[in-house]
C-alpha atoms as a PDB file:
ATOM      1  CA  UNK A   1      33.835   9.404  27.194  1.00  0.00           C
ATOM      2  CA  UNK A   2      34.624  11.889  29.738  1.00  0.00           C
ATOM      3  CA  UNK A   3      32.998  11.408  33.267  1.00  0.00           C
ATOM      4  CA  UNK A   4      31.004  14.568  32.755  1.00  0.00           C
ATOM      5  CA  UNK A   5      29.745  13.295  29.349  1.00  0.00           C
ATOM      6  CA  UNK A   6      28.745  10.287  30.769  1.00  0.00           C
ATOM      7  CA  UNK A   7      26.647  12.081  33.921  1.00  0.00           C
ATOM      8  CA  UNK A   8      25.305  13.977  31.239  1.00  0.00           C
ATOM      9  CA  UNK A   9      24.270  10.924  29.163  1.00  0.00           C
ATOM     10  CA  UNK A  10      20.408  10.497  28.454  1.00  0.00           C
ATOM     11  CA  UNK A  11      19.980   7.004  27.115  1.00  0.00           C
ATOM     12  CA  UNK A  12      17.174   6.317  24.217  1.00  0.00           C
ATOM     13  CA  UNK A  13      13.190   5.636  25.379  1.00  0.00           C
ATOM     14  CA  UNK A  14      12.650   2.624  26.842  1.00  0.00           C
ATOM     15  CA  UNK A  15      11.982   0.291  23.989  1.00  0.00           C
ATOM     16  CA  UNK A  16       8.883  -0.842  25.978  1.00  0.00           C
ATOM     17  CA  UNK A  17       7.671   2.468  26.693  1.00  0.00           C
ATOM     18  CA  UNK A  18       7.971   3.291  22.892  1.00  0.00           C
ATOM     19  CA  UNK A  19       5.884   0.547  21.755  1.00  0.00           C
ATOM     20  CA  UNK A  20       3.337   1.028  24.370  1.00  0.00           C
ATOM     21  CA  UNK A  21       3.283   4.625  23.142  1.00  0.00           C
ATOM     22  CA  UNK A  22       2.686   3.663  19.728  1.00  0.00           C
ATOM     23  CA  UNK A  23      -0.658   1.350  20.489  1.00  0.00           C
ATOM     24  CA  UNK A  24      -2.169   3.818  22.536  1.00  0.00           C
ATOM     25  CA  UNK A  25      -2.150   6.910  20.223  1.00  0.00           C
ATOM     26  CA  UNK A  26      -2.852   3.993  16.933  1.00  0.00           C
ATOM     27  CA  UNK A  27      -6.347   3.152  19.460  1.00  0.00           C
ATOM     28  CA  UNK A  28      -6.534   6.845  20.429  1.00  0.00           C
ATOM     29  CA  UNK A  29      -6.523   8.061  17.225  1.00  0.00           C
ATOM     30  CA  UNK A  30      -8.297   5.429  15.582  1.00  0.00           C
ATOM     31  CA  UNK A  31     -11.218   5.176  18.196  1.00  0.00           C
ATOM     32  CA  UNK A  32     -11.154   9.325  18.321  1.00  0.00           C
ATOM     33  CA  UNK A  33     -12.199   9.478  14.512  1.00  0.00           C
ATOM     34  CA  UNK A  34     -14.268   6.331  14.563  1.00  0.00           C
ATOM     35  CA  UNK A  35     -16.298   7.660  17.357  1.00  0.00           C
ATOM     36  CA  UNK A  36     -16.876  11.182  15.957  1.00  0.00           C
ATOM     37  CA  UNK A  37     -20.197  12.351  15.627  1.00  0.00           C
ATOM     38  CA  UNK A  38     -18.368  14.786  13.225  1.00  0.00           C
ATOM     39  CA  UNK A  39     -17.647  13.709   9.519  1.00  0.00           C
ATOM     40  CA  UNK A  40     -15.741  17.020   9.280  1.00  0.00           C
ATOM     41  CA  UNK A  41     -12.680  14.899  11.847  1.00  0.00           C
ATOM     42  CA  UNK A  42     -12.299  12.049   9.241  1.00  0.00           C
ATOM     43  CA  UNK A  43     -11.778  14.696   6.247  1.00  0.00           C
ATOM     44  CA  UNK A  44      -9.298  16.700   8.430  1.00  0.00           C
ATOM     45  CA  UNK A  45      -7.552  13.958   9.423  1.00  0.00           C
ATOM     46  CA  UNK A  46      -7.255  12.556   5.938  1.00  0.00           C
ATOM     47  CA  UNK A  47      -6.494  16.101   4.737  1.00  0.00           C
ATOM     48  CA  UNK A  48      -3.798  16.247   7.177  1.00  0.00           C
ATOM     49  CA  UNK A  49      -2.345  13.298   5.943  1.00  0.00           C
ATOM     50  CA  UNK A  50      -2.457  14.031   2.524  1.00  0.00           C
ATOM     51  CA  UNK A  51      -0.865  17.675   3.390  1.00  0.00           C
ATOM     52  CA  UNK A  52       1.846  16.870   5.728  1.00  0.00           C
ATOM     53  CA  UNK A  53       2.251  13.269   6.167  1.00  0.00           C
ATOM     54  CA  UNK A  54       2.010  12.067   9.695  1.00  0.00           C
ATOM     55  CA  UNK A  55       6.023  12.033  10.648  1.00  0.00           C
ATOM     56  CA  UNK A  56       5.499  12.440  14.564  1.00  0.00           C
ATOM     57  CA  UNK A  57       3.105   9.621  14.251  1.00  0.00           C
ATOM     58  CA  UNK A  58       5.255   7.544  11.617  1.00  0.00           C
ATOM     59  CA  UNK A  59       8.632   7.410  14.228  1.00  0.00           C
ATOM     60  CA  UNK A  60       6.227   5.662  17.021  1.00  0.00           C
ATOM     61  CA  UNK A  61       4.144   3.332  14.675  1.00  0.00           C
ATOM     62  CA  UNK A  62       6.879   2.457  12.312  1.00  0.00           C
ATOM     63  CA  UNK A  63       8.952   0.118  14.450  1.00  0.00           C
ATOM     64  CA  UNK A  64       5.615  -1.884  15.806  1.00  0.00           C
ATOM     65  CA  UNK A  65       5.206  -5.123  14.793  1.00  0.00           C
ATOM     66  CA  UNK A  66       3.650  -5.770  11.181  1.00  0.00           C
ATOM     67  CA  UNK A  67       0.204  -7.441  12.747  1.00  0.00           C
ATOM     68  CA  UNK A  68      -0.065  -4.844  15.299  1.00  0.00           C
ATOM     69  CA  UNK A  69      -2.575  -1.865  15.437  1.00  0.00           C
ATOM     70  CA  UNK A  70       0.089   0.432  14.697  1.00  0.00           C
ATOM     71  CA  UNK A  71       2.033  -1.567  12.526  1.00  0.00           C
ATOM     72  CA  UNK A  72      -1.545  -1.621  10.295  1.00  0.00           C
ATOM     73  CA  UNK A  73      -2.198   1.999  10.548  1.00  0.00           C
ATOM     74  CA  UNK A  74       1.690   2.851   9.084  1.00  0.00           C
ATOM     75  CA  UNK A  75       1.383   0.572   6.541  1.00  0.00           C
ATOM     76  CA  UNK A  76      -2.072   1.781   5.530  1.00  0.00           C
ATOM     77  CA  UNK A  77      -1.263   5.687   5.710  1.00  0.00           C
ATOM     78  CA  UNK A  78       2.606   4.384   4.063  1.00  0.00           C
ATOM     79  CA  UNK A  79       0.604   3.163   0.539  1.00  0.00           C
ATOM     80  CA  UNK A  80      -1.468   6.018   0.571  1.00  0.00           C
ATOM     81  CA  UNK A  81       1.513   8.306   0.946  1.00  0.00           C
ATOM     82  CA  UNK A  82       3.723   6.736  -1.981  1.00  0.00           C
ATOM     83  CA  UNK A  83       0.446   6.539  -4.282  1.00  0.00           C
ATOM     84  CA  UNK A  84       0.153  10.360  -3.050  1.00  0.00           C
ATOM     85  CA  UNK A  85       4.115  10.689  -4.041  1.00  0.00           C
ATOM     86  CA  UNK A  86       3.608   9.540  -7.888  1.00  0.00           C
ATOM     87  CA  UNK A  87       0.275   8.546  -8.802  1.00  0.00           C
ATOM     88  CA  UNK A  88       1.243   8.588 -11.983  1.00  0.00           C
ATOM     89  CA  UNK A  89       3.880   5.861 -11.246  1.00  0.00           C
ATOM     90  CA  UNK A  90       1.607   3.716  -8.921  1.00  0.00           C
ATOM     91  CA  UNK A  91      -1.409   3.893 -11.686  1.00  0.00           C
ATOM     92  CA  UNK A  92       0.969   2.393 -14.389  1.00  0.00           C
ATOM     93  CA  UNK A  93       2.379  -0.037 -12.113  1.00  0.00           C
ATOM     94  CA  UNK A  94      -1.283  -0.766 -10.726  1.00  0.00           C
ATOM     95  CA  UNK A  95      -2.404  -1.487 -14.318  1.00  0.00           C
ATOM     96  CA  UNK A  96       0.086  -3.478 -15.035  1.00  0.00           C
ATOM     97  CA  UNK A  97      -0.557  -5.900 -12.370  1.00  0.00           C
ATOM     98  CA  UNK A  98      -4.192  -6.178 -13.024  1.00  0.00           C
ATOM     99  CA  UNK A  99      -3.780  -6.801 -16.572  1.00  0.00           C
ATOM    100  CA  UNK A 100      -1.656  -9.948 -15.318  1.00  0.00           C
ATOM    101  CA  UNK A 101      -3.798 -10.746 -12.131  1.00  0.00           C
ATOM    102  CA  UNK A 102      -5.697 -13.834 -11.931  1.00  0.00           C
ATOM    103  CA  UNK A 103      -7.098 -13.761  -8.230  1.00  0.00           C
ATOM    104  CA  UNK A 104     -10.266 -11.453  -7.189  1.00  0.00           C
ATOM    105  CA  UNK A 105      -7.249  -9.127  -5.774  1.00  0.00           C
ATOM    106  CA  UNK A 106      -8.186  -6.192  -8.347  1.00  0.00           C
ATOM    107  CA  UNK A 107     -12.127  -7.015  -7.606  1.00  0.00           C
ATOM    108  CA  UNK A 108     -11.119  -6.499  -3.935  1.00  0.00           C
ATOM    109  CA  UNK A 109      -9.291  -3.305  -4.252  1.00  0.00           C
ATOM    110  CA  UNK A 110     -12.404  -1.981  -5.974  1.00  0.00           C
ATOM    111  CA  UNK A 111     -10.368   0.434  -8.372  1.00  0.00           C
ATOM    112  CA  UNK A 112     -12.418   2.080 -10.941  1.00  0.00           C
ATOM    113  CA  UNK A 113     -11.026   1.219 -14.538  1.00  0.00           C
ATOM    114  CA  UNK A 114      -9.226   2.576 -16.851  1.00  0.00           C
ATOM    115  CA  UNK A 115      -6.912   3.625 -13.289  1.00  0.00           C
ATOM    116  CA  UNK A 116      -5.271   6.565 -14.324  1.00  0.00           C
ATOM    117  CA  UNK A 117      -3.327   8.641 -11.385  1.00  0.00           C
ATOM    118  CA  UNK A 118      -6.788  10.520 -10.283  1.00  0.00           C
ATOM    119  CA  UNK A 119      -8.531   6.899  -9.703  1.00  0.00           C
ATOM    120  CA  UNK A 120      -5.746   5.505  -8.112  1.00  0.00           C
ATOM    121  CA  UNK A 121      -5.195   8.483  -5.580  1.00  0.00           C
ATOM    122  CA  UNK A 122      -8.862   8.576  -4.921  1.00  0.00           C
ATOM    123  CA  UNK A 123      -8.626   4.684  -4.543  1.00  0.00           C
ATOM    124  CA  UNK A 124      -5.798   4.583  -1.536  1.00  0.00           C
ATOM    125  CA  UNK A 125      -7.707   7.587   0.002  1.00  0.00           C
ATOM    126  CA  UNK A 126     -10.931   5.250   0.232  1.00  0.00           C
ATOM    127  CA  UNK A 127      -9.313   2.673   1.534  1.00  0.00           C
ATOM    128  CA  UNK A 128      -7.567   5.225   3.994  1.00  0.00           C
ATOM    129  CA  UNK A 129     -10.906   6.632   5.085  1.00  0.00           C
ATOM    130  CA  UNK A 130     -12.810   3.403   5.310  1.00  0.00           C
ATOM    131  CA  UNK A 131     -10.220   2.254   7.912  1.00  0.00           C
ATOM    132  CA  UNK A 132     -11.945   5.363   9.743  1.00  0.00           C
ATOM    133  CA  UNK A 133     -15.508   5.745   8.695  1.00  0.00           C
ATOM    134  CA  UNK A 134     -15.896   1.734   7.961  1.00  0.00           C
ATOM    135  CA  UNK A 135     -15.395  -1.664   8.817  1.00  0.00           C
ATOM    136  CA  UNK A 136     -11.205  -1.528   9.423  1.00  0.00           C
ATOM    137  CA  UNK A 137     -11.167  -5.366   8.496  1.00  0.00           C
ATOM    138  CA  UNK A 138     -12.861  -4.782   5.047  1.00  0.00           C
ATOM    139  CA  UNK A 139     -10.112  -1.414   4.450  1.00  0.00           C
ATOM    140  CA  UNK A 140      -7.242  -3.685   5.715  1.00  0.00           C
ATOM    141  CA  UNK A 141      -8.159  -6.438   3.090  1.00  0.00           C
ATOM    142  CA  UNK A 142      -9.094  -4.464   0.613  1.00  0.00           C
ATOM    143  CA  UNK A 143      -5.378  -2.452   0.981  1.00  0.00           C
ATOM    144  CA  UNK A 144      -3.822  -5.944   1.035  1.00  0.00           C
ATOM    145  CA  UNK A 145      -5.604  -6.417  -2.286  1.00  0.00           C
ATOM    146  CA  UNK A 146      -4.304  -3.216  -3.936  1.00  0.00           C
ATOM    147  CA  UNK A 147      -0.947  -4.071  -2.550  1.00  0.00           C
ATOM    148  CA  UNK A 148      -1.148  -7.665  -4.293  1.00  0.00           C
ATOM    149  CA  UNK A 149      -2.112  -5.861  -7.552  1.00  0.00           C
ATOM    150  CA  UNK A 150       1.055  -3.500  -6.986  1.00  0.00           C
ATOM    151  CA  UNK A 151       3.360  -6.751  -6.061  1.00  0.00           C
ATOM    152  CA  UNK A 152       2.360  -8.297  -9.582  1.00  0.00           C
ATOM    153  CA  UNK A 153       2.766  -5.018 -11.249  1.00  0.00           C
ATOM    154  CA  UNK A 154       6.713  -4.137 -10.052  1.00  0.00           C
ATOM    155  CA  UNK A 155       7.330  -7.508 -10.643  1.00  0.00           C
ATOM    156  CA  UNK A 156       6.332  -7.615 -14.334  1.00  0.00           C
ATOM    157  CA  UNK A 157       7.998  -3.895 -14.606  1.00  0.00           C
ATOM    158  CA  UNK A 158      11.269  -5.681 -13.027  1.00  0.00           C
ATOM    159  CA  UNK A 159      11.162  -8.614 -15.525  1.00  0.00           C
ATOM    160  CA  UNK A 160      10.616  -6.164 -18.590  1.00  0.00           C
ATOM    161  CA  UNK A 161      13.577  -4.279 -17.499  1.00  0.00           C
ATOM    162  CA  UNK A 162      15.870  -6.733 -16.474  1.00  0.00           C
ATOM    163  CA  UNK A 163      17.865  -7.059 -19.909  1.00  0.00           C
ATOM    164  CA  UNK A 164      17.969  -3.698 -20.595  1.00  0.00           C
ATOM    165  CA  UNK A 165      18.073  -1.514 -17.149  1.00  0.00           C
ATOM    166  CA  UNK A 166      19.435  -3.892 -14.705  1.00  0.00           C
ATOM    167  CA  UNK A 167      19.418  -1.184 -11.969  1.00  0.00           C
ATOM    168  CA  UNK A 168      15.761  -0.116 -12.322  1.00  0.00           C
ATOM    169  CA  UNK A 169      14.805  -3.858 -12.546  1.00  0.00           C
ATOM    170  CA  UNK A 170      16.102  -4.036  -9.004  1.00  0.00           C
ATOM    171  CA  UNK A 171      14.297  -1.236  -7.522  1.00  0.00           C
ATOM    172  CA  UNK A 172      11.318  -2.813  -9.138  1.00  0.00           C
ATOM    173  CA  UNK A 173      11.988  -5.969  -7.411  1.00  0.00           C
ATOM    174  CA  UNK A 174      12.557  -4.595  -3.882  1.00  0.00           C
ATOM    175  CA  UNK A 175       9.224  -2.928  -4.296  1.00  0.00           C
ATOM    176  CA  UNK A 176       7.598  -5.894  -5.385  1.00  0.00           C
ATOM    177  CA  UNK A 177       8.745  -7.700  -2.755  1.00  0.00           C
ATOM    178  CA  UNK A 178       7.951  -5.079  -0.070  1.00  0.00           C
ATOM    179  CA  UNK A 179       4.552  -4.633  -1.199  1.00  0.00           C
ATOM    180  CA  UNK A 180       4.266  -8.516  -1.328  1.00  0.00           C
ATOM    181  CA  UNK A 181       4.882  -8.536   2.335  1.00  0.00           C
ATOM    182  CA  UNK A 182       2.385  -5.407   3.071  1.00  0.00           C
ATOM    183  CA  UNK A 183      -0.118  -7.646   1.223  1.00  0.00           C
ATOM    184  CA  UNK A 184       0.453 -10.635   3.584  1.00  0.00           C
ATOM    185  CA  UNK A 185       0.621  -8.510   6.732  1.00  0.00           C
ATOM    186  CA  UNK A 186      -2.319  -6.750   5.949  1.00  0.00           C
ATOM    187  CA  UNK A 187      -4.160  -9.501   5.076  1.00  0.00           C
ATOM    188  CA  UNK A 188      -2.950 -11.207   8.755  1.00  0.00           C
ATOM    189  CA  UNK A 189      -4.118  -8.196  10.131  1.00  0.00           C
ATOM    190  CA  UNK A 190      -7.442  -8.084   9.115  1.00  0.00           C
ATOM    191  CA  UNK A 191      -8.207 -11.833  10.084  1.00  0.00           C
ATOM    192  CA  UNK A 192      -7.081 -10.661  13.843  1.00  0.00           C
ATOM    193  CA  UNK A 193      -8.923  -7.366  13.827  1.00  0.00           C
ATOM    194  CA  UNK A 194     -12.123  -9.764  12.926  1.00  0.00           C
ATOM    195  CA  UNK A 195     -11.194 -12.045  16.379  1.00  0.00           C
ATOM    196  CA  UNK A 196     -10.392  -9.230  18.201  1.00  0.00           C
ATOM    197  CA  UNK A 197      -6.842  -9.989  18.909  1.00  0.00           C
ATOM    198  CA  UNK A 198      -5.247  -6.997  17.226  1.00  0.00           C
ATOM    199  CA  UNK A 199      -3.731  -4.926  19.677  1.00  0.00           C
END
């Protein structure tokens, strides 16, 4: 690197500062929407996420630790956006998981049955809205339960495709693992929130 370039080089942001901004923006967004007297604030927030995503905030929240407020909000939005981008595939995966779920996850998630594309999108929208209007821990628990059912469904689809389409089976296996990881992280975050320890 020539000396002129070295002198002009600006390094990356301080990770501690980036982390603090991620936490501050997550807290500010949650507080602003939850404390607003205007119910339209929630609708505008959800609609903005549906139409435009939250690219700028995702860049801040994505690197945050899983069991933190920004990490939890990122996971809620990511689950919602994944369903919004492919509600048909998501509803099929969910139904497959619900058919083999022997836990209470599908009940906690609260999907309407039969769970078609519209119902699955409404479910994730309701969960996301609940993070701003209801009990935040309950919203995290519902999202965790939803992710657990999706994990089971993706795993079952991987098993179906294993012999005939191994590449697709591998993709479903990775998706199952990601949903299972999200389920565990969101459930842990719900417990932390209830104890006032989710920063």
